Amino acid sequence: MAASHSPRGAKFVGSFVHQLDEKGRLALPASYRREAADQRFMVIQAYAPALALYPEVAWLEVEERLRDLVARNPEARMYALSVLSSVVDVVPDAQGRILIPARLQELAELNGQVLLVGAIDRVELWNPGRFEEEVAAQAGRFEQFAPQIFR
């Protein structure tokens, strides 16, 4: 379930499993579509193995951080270019589906079911099995974080 709109942009929470169709289209959950109504999305693999789906408003903040990084650290220019070279601009169709290009599907091992996980300012797209593996591998460390967030 997504939270209500805020001045800082959409808020994505919860998780959903949707099927990638034969054309590489993925239906966004209705709550995610409401949160980012009439917005374009940017798809990128910022952290393997998942893809990140940023609504336009949140992506503008990412662009600003990239500009600042390169301005402060010119050696980061090639990193910024490599990140930007893999970004794909997508617009949901009338049915709320977005097209995930084949090369990004391959990078994220998406081949059928896709787990969409709300990550507050973005949505992460995961192979469901890989997500479970990652959570299981790191679950032993989770207890240290909860007290920092939930009081």
C-alpha atoms as a PDB file:
ATOM      1  CA  MET A   1       0.000   0.000   0.000  1.00  0.00           C
ATOM      2  CA  ALA A   2       1.404   3.395  -0.919  1.00  0.00           C
ATOM      3  CA  ALA A   3       1.323   6.426   1.345  1.00  0.00           C
ATOM      4  CA  SER A   4      -0.318   9.675   0.383  1.00  0.00           C
ATOM      5  CA  HIS A   5       1.291  12.268  -1.823  1.00  0.00           C
ATOM      6  CA  SER A   6       3.850  14.515  -0.222  1.00  0.00           C
ATOM      7  CA  PRO A   7       5.539  17.745  -1.268  1.00  0.00           C
ATOM      8  CA  ARG A   8       8.760  15.792  -1.888  1.00  0.00           C
ATOM      9  CA  GLY A   9       7.178  13.401  -4.394  1.00  0.00           C
ATOM     10  CA  ALA A  10       5.812   9.895  -4.467  1.00  0.00           C
ATOM     11  CA  LYS A  11       6.193   7.423  -1.612  1.00  0.00           C
ATOM     12  CA  PHE A  12       6.381   3.763  -2.589  1.00  0.00           C
ATOM     13  CA  VAL A  13       6.000   1.002  -0.010  1.00  0.00           C
ATOM     14  CA  GLY A  14       4.921  -2.616  -0.017  1.00  0.00           C
ATOM     15  CA  SER A  15       5.664  -5.346  -2.510  1.00  0.00           C
ATOM     16  CA  PHE A  16       3.824  -6.925  -5.405  1.00  0.00           C
ATOM     17  CA  VAL A  17       4.542  -9.798  -7.768  1.00  0.00           C
ATOM     18  CA  HIS A  18       3.576  -9.126 -11.383  1.00  0.00           C
ATOM     19  CA  GLN A  19       4.230 -11.025 -14.589  1.00  0.00           C
ATOM     20  CA  LEU A  20       6.531  -9.668 -17.287  1.00  0.00           C
ATOM     21  CA  ASP A  21       4.634 -10.203 -20.543  1.00  0.00           C
ATOM     22  CA  GLU A  22       6.091 -11.629 -23.764  1.00  0.00           C
ATOM     23  CA  LYS A  23       6.837  -8.106 -25.053  1.00  0.00           C
ATOM     24  CA  GLY A  24       8.793  -7.166 -21.913  1.00  0.00           C
ATOM     25  CA  ARG A  25       6.032  -5.035 -20.408  1.00  0.00           C
ATOM     26  CA  LEU A  26       5.405  -4.890 -16.691  1.00  0.00           C
ATOM     27  CA  ALA A  27       2.157  -3.633 -15.143  1.00  0.00           C
ATOM     28  CA  LEU A  28       2.715  -1.230 -12.279  1.00  0.00           C
ATOM     29  CA  PRO A  29       0.525  -1.786  -9.210  1.00  0.00           C
ATOM     30  CA  ALA A  30      -2.389   0.649  -8.998  1.00  0.00           C
ATOM     31  CA  SER A  31      -1.061   2.192  -5.761  1.00  0.00           C
ATOM     32  CA  TYR A  32       2.296   2.943  -7.436  1.00  0.00           C
ATOM     33  CA  ARG A  33       0.554   4.448 -10.456  1.00  0.00           C
ATOM     34  CA  ARG A  34      -1.486   6.714  -8.157  1.00  0.00           C
ATOM     35  CA  GLU A  35       1.653   7.860  -6.348  1.00  0.00           C
ATOM     36  CA  ALA A  36       3.365   8.871  -9.590  1.00  0.00           C
ATOM     37  CA  ALA A  37       0.372   9.835 -11.694  1.00  0.00           C
ATOM     38  CA  ASP A  38       1.298  11.337 -15.055  1.00  0.00           C
ATOM     39  CA  GLN A  39       5.032  10.916 -14.474  1.00  0.00           C
ATOM     40  CA  ARG A  40       7.712   9.352 -16.594  1.00  0.00           C
ATOM     41  CA  PHE A  41      10.048   6.863 -14.971  1.00  0.00           C
ATOM     42  CA  MET A  42      13.742   6.229 -15.350  1.00  0.00           C
ATOM     43  CA  VAL A  43      14.916   2.610 -15.184  1.00  0.00           C
ATOM     44  CA  ILE A  44      18.510   1.892 -14.169  1.00  0.00           C
ATOM     45  CA  GLN A  45      20.568  -0.809 -12.540  1.00  0.00           C
ATOM     46  CA  ALA A  46      22.153   1.266  -9.775  1.00  0.00           C
ATOM     47  CA  TYR A  47      22.756  -1.739  -7.501  1.00  0.00           C
ATOM     48  CA  ALA A  48      22.944  -5.226  -8.981  1.00  0.00           C
ATOM     49  CA  PRO A  49      21.071  -7.474  -9.279  1.00  0.00           C
ATOM     50  CA  ALA A  50      17.912  -5.320  -9.094  1.00  0.00           C
ATOM     51  CA  LEU A  51      16.672  -2.540 -11.318  1.00  0.00           C
ATOM     52  CA  ALA A  52      15.543   0.786  -9.879  1.00  0.00           C
ATOM     53  CA  LEU A  53      12.512   2.590 -11.225  1.00  0.00           C
ATOM     54  CA  TYR A  54      12.625   6.301 -10.367  1.00  0.00           C
ATOM     55  CA  PRO A  55       9.675   8.612 -10.988  1.00  0.00           C
ATOM     56  CA  GLU A  56      10.740  11.755 -12.793  1.00  0.00           C
ATOM     57  CA  VAL A  57      10.669  13.956  -9.668  1.00  0.00           C
ATOM     58  CA  ALA A  58      12.991  11.622  -7.725  1.00  0.00           C
ATOM     59  CA  TRP A  59      15.255  11.191 -10.768  1.00  0.00           C
ATOM     60  CA  LEU A  60      15.834  14.950 -10.924  1.00  0.00           C
ATOM     61  CA  GLU A  61      17.366  14.689  -7.435  1.00  0.00           C
ATOM     62  CA  VAL A  62      19.631  11.839  -8.617  1.00  0.00           C
ATOM     63  CA  GLU A  63      20.763  13.971 -11.567  1.00  0.00           C
ATOM     64  CA  GLU A  64      21.585  16.840  -9.214  1.00  0.00           C
ATOM     65  CA  ARG A  65      23.681  14.535  -6.994  1.00  0.00           C
ATOM     66  CA  LEU A  66      25.528  13.248 -10.081  1.00  0.00           C
ATOM     67  CA  ARG A  67      26.267  16.829 -11.203  1.00  0.00           C
ATOM     68  CA  ASP A  68      27.537  17.686  -7.722  1.00  0.00           C
ATOM     69  CA  LEU A  69      29.704  14.559  -7.592  1.00  0.00           C
ATOM     70  CA  VAL A  70      31.397  15.378 -10.906  1.00  0.00           C
ATOM     71  CA  ALA A  71      31.822  19.045  -9.938  1.00  0.00           C
ATOM     72  CA  ARG A  72      33.518  18.098  -6.654  1.00  0.00           C
ATOM     73  CA  ASN A  73      35.404  15.105  -8.017  1.00  0.00           C
ATOM     74  CA  PRO A  74      36.262  15.278 -11.750  1.00  0.00           C
ATOM     75  CA  GLU A  75      37.566  11.691 -11.619  1.00  0.00           C
ATOM     76  CA  ALA A  76      33.940  10.602 -11.160  1.00  0.00           C
ATOM     77  CA  ARG A  77      33.068  11.751 -14.688  1.00  0.00           C
ATOM     78  CA  MET A  78      33.406   8.298 -16.257  1.00  0.00           C
ATOM     79  CA  TYR A  79      31.377   6.752 -13.438  1.00  0.00           C
ATOM     80  CA  ALA A  80      28.605   9.306 -14.079  1.00  0.00           C
ATOM     81  CA  LEU A  81      28.713   8.616 -17.808  1.00  0.00           C
ATOM     82  CA  SER A  82      28.564   4.867 -17.278  1.00  0.00           C
ATOM     83  CA  VAL A  83      25.550   5.281 -14.981  1.00  0.00           C
ATOM     84  CA  LEU A  84      23.775   7.624 -17.369  1.00  0.00           C
ATOM     85  CA  SER A  85      24.487   5.431 -20.401  1.00  0.00           C
ATOM     86  CA  SER A  86      22.282   2.664 -19.004  1.00  0.00           C
ATOM     87  CA  VAL A  87      19.271   4.803 -18.029  1.00  0.00           C
ATOM     88  CA  VAL A  88      16.063   4.163 -19.949  1.00  0.00           C
ATOM     89  CA  ASP A  89      13.181   6.638 -19.940  1.00  0.00           C
ATOM     90  CA  VAL A  90       9.794   4.867 -19.783  1.00  0.00           C
ATOM     91  CA  VAL A  91       6.223   6.116 -19.778  1.00  0.00           C
ATOM     92  CA  PRO A  92       3.356   3.932 -18.560  1.00  0.00           C
ATOM     93  CA  ASP A  93       0.854   3.082 -21.293  1.00  0.00           C
ATOM     94  CA  ALA A  94      -2.931   3.396 -20.880  1.00  0.00           C
ATOM     95  CA  GLN A  95      -2.966   0.086 -18.943  1.00  0.00           C
ATOM     96  CA  GLY A  96      -0.205   1.238 -16.568  1.00  0.00           C
ATOM     97  CA  ARG A  97       2.486  -0.972 -18.134  1.00  0.00           C
ATOM     98  CA  ILE A  98       6.103  -0.004 -18.692  1.00  0.00           C
ATOM     99  CA  LEU A  99       8.508  -1.606 -21.147  1.00  0.00           C
ATOM    100  CA  ILE A 100      11.648  -3.089 -19.590  1.00  0.00           C
ATOM    101  CA  PRO A 101      14.298  -3.337 -22.341  1.00  0.00           C
ATOM    102  CA  ALA A 102      15.745  -6.816 -22.932  1.00  0.00           C
ATOM    103  CA  ARG A 103      19.271  -5.802 -21.861  1.00  0.00           C
ATOM    104  CA  LEU A 104      17.987  -4.589 -18.486  1.00  0.00           C
ATOM    105  CA  GLN A 105      15.832  -7.714 -18.097  1.00  0.00           C
ATOM    106  CA  GLU A 106      18.979  -9.786 -18.576  1.00  0.00           C
ATOM    107  CA  LEU A 107      21.025  -7.727 -16.102  1.00  0.00           C
ATOM    108  CA  ALA A 108      18.374  -8.213 -13.413  1.00  0.00           C
ATOM    109  CA  GLU A 109      17.573 -11.837 -14.340  1.00  0.00           C
ATOM    110  CA  LEU A 110      13.931 -10.955 -14.943  1.00  0.00           C
ATOM    111  CA  ASN A 111      12.262 -13.765 -16.865  1.00  0.00           C
ATOM    112  CA  GLY A 112       8.668 -14.173 -15.845  1.00  0.00           C
ATOM    113  CA  GLN A 113       7.585 -13.026 -12.431  1.00  0.00           C
ATOM    114  CA  VAL A 114       8.943  -9.710 -11.154  1.00  0.00           C
ATOM    115  CA  LEU A 115       8.885  -8.629  -7.523  1.00  0.00           C
ATOM    116  CA  LEU A 116       8.223  -4.886  -7.259  1.00  0.00           C
ATOM    117  CA  VAL A 117       9.427  -3.540  -3.914  1.00  0.00           C
ATOM    118  CA  GLY A 118       8.590  -0.017  -2.788  1.00  0.00           C
ATOM    119  CA  ALA A 119      11.737   1.749  -1.578  1.00  0.00           C
ATOM    120  CA  ILE A 120      10.101   5.058  -0.589  1.00  0.00           C
ATOM    121  CA  ASP A 121      11.370   7.317  -3.412  1.00  0.00           C
ATOM    122  CA  ARG A 122      11.701   4.555  -6.031  1.00  0.00           C
ATOM    123  CA  VAL A 123      10.569   1.042  -6.867  1.00  0.00           C
ATOM    124  CA  GLU A 124      13.070  -1.804  -7.101  1.00  0.00           C
ATOM    125  CA  LEU A 125      12.430  -4.593  -9.596  1.00  0.00           C
ATOM    126  CA  TRP A 126      13.748  -7.990  -8.507  1.00  0.00           C
ATOM    127  CA  ASN A 127      13.825 -11.571  -9.623  1.00  0.00           C
ATOM    128  CA  PRO A 128      11.773 -12.994  -6.697  1.00  0.00           C
ATOM    129  CA  GLY A 129      14.250 -15.823  -6.038  1.00  0.00           C
ATOM    130  CA  ARG A 130      17.233 -13.479  -6.004  1.00  0.00           C
ATOM    131  CA  PHE A 131      15.439 -11.146  -3.592  1.00  0.00           C
ATOM    132  CA  GLU A 132      14.806 -14.015  -1.170  1.00  0.00           C
ATOM    133  CA  GLU A 133      18.467 -15.088  -1.462  1.00  0.00           C
ATOM    134  CA  GLU A 134      19.717 -11.558  -0.722  1.00  0.00           C
ATOM    135  CA  VAL A 135      17.375 -11.138   2.256  1.00  0.00           C
ATOM    136  CA  ALA A 136      18.356 -14.549   3.665  1.00  0.00           C
ATOM    137  CA  ALA A 137      22.073 -13.821   3.225  1.00  0.00           C
ATOM    138  CA  GLN A 138      21.850 -10.563   5.171  1.00  0.00           C
ATOM    139  CA  ALA A 139      19.025 -11.272   7.631  1.00  0.00           C
ATOM    140  CA  GLY A 140      21.418 -11.935  10.514  1.00  0.00           C
ATOM    141  CA  ARG A 141      22.447  -8.273  10.464  1.00  0.00           C
ATOM    142  CA  PHE A 142      18.917  -6.808  10.378  1.00  0.00           C
ATOM    143  CA  GLU A 143      18.466  -6.549  14.162  1.00  0.00           C
ATOM    144  CA  GLN A 144      21.071  -3.773  14.364  1.00  0.00           C
ATOM    145  CA  PHE A 145      19.026  -1.509  12.100  1.00  0.00           C
ATOM    146  CA  ALA A 146      15.505  -1.761  13.532  1.00  0.00           C
ATOM    147  CA  PRO A 147      16.206   0.261  16.718  1.00  0.00           C
ATOM    148  CA  GLN A 148      17.611   3.086  14.574  1.00  0.00           C
ATOM    149  CA  ILE A 149      14.325   3.376  12.688  1.00  0.00           C
ATOM    150  CA  PHE A 150      11.484   2.032  14.842  1.00  0.00           C
ATOM    151  CA  ARG A 151      11.240   3.436  18.377  1.00  0.00           C
END
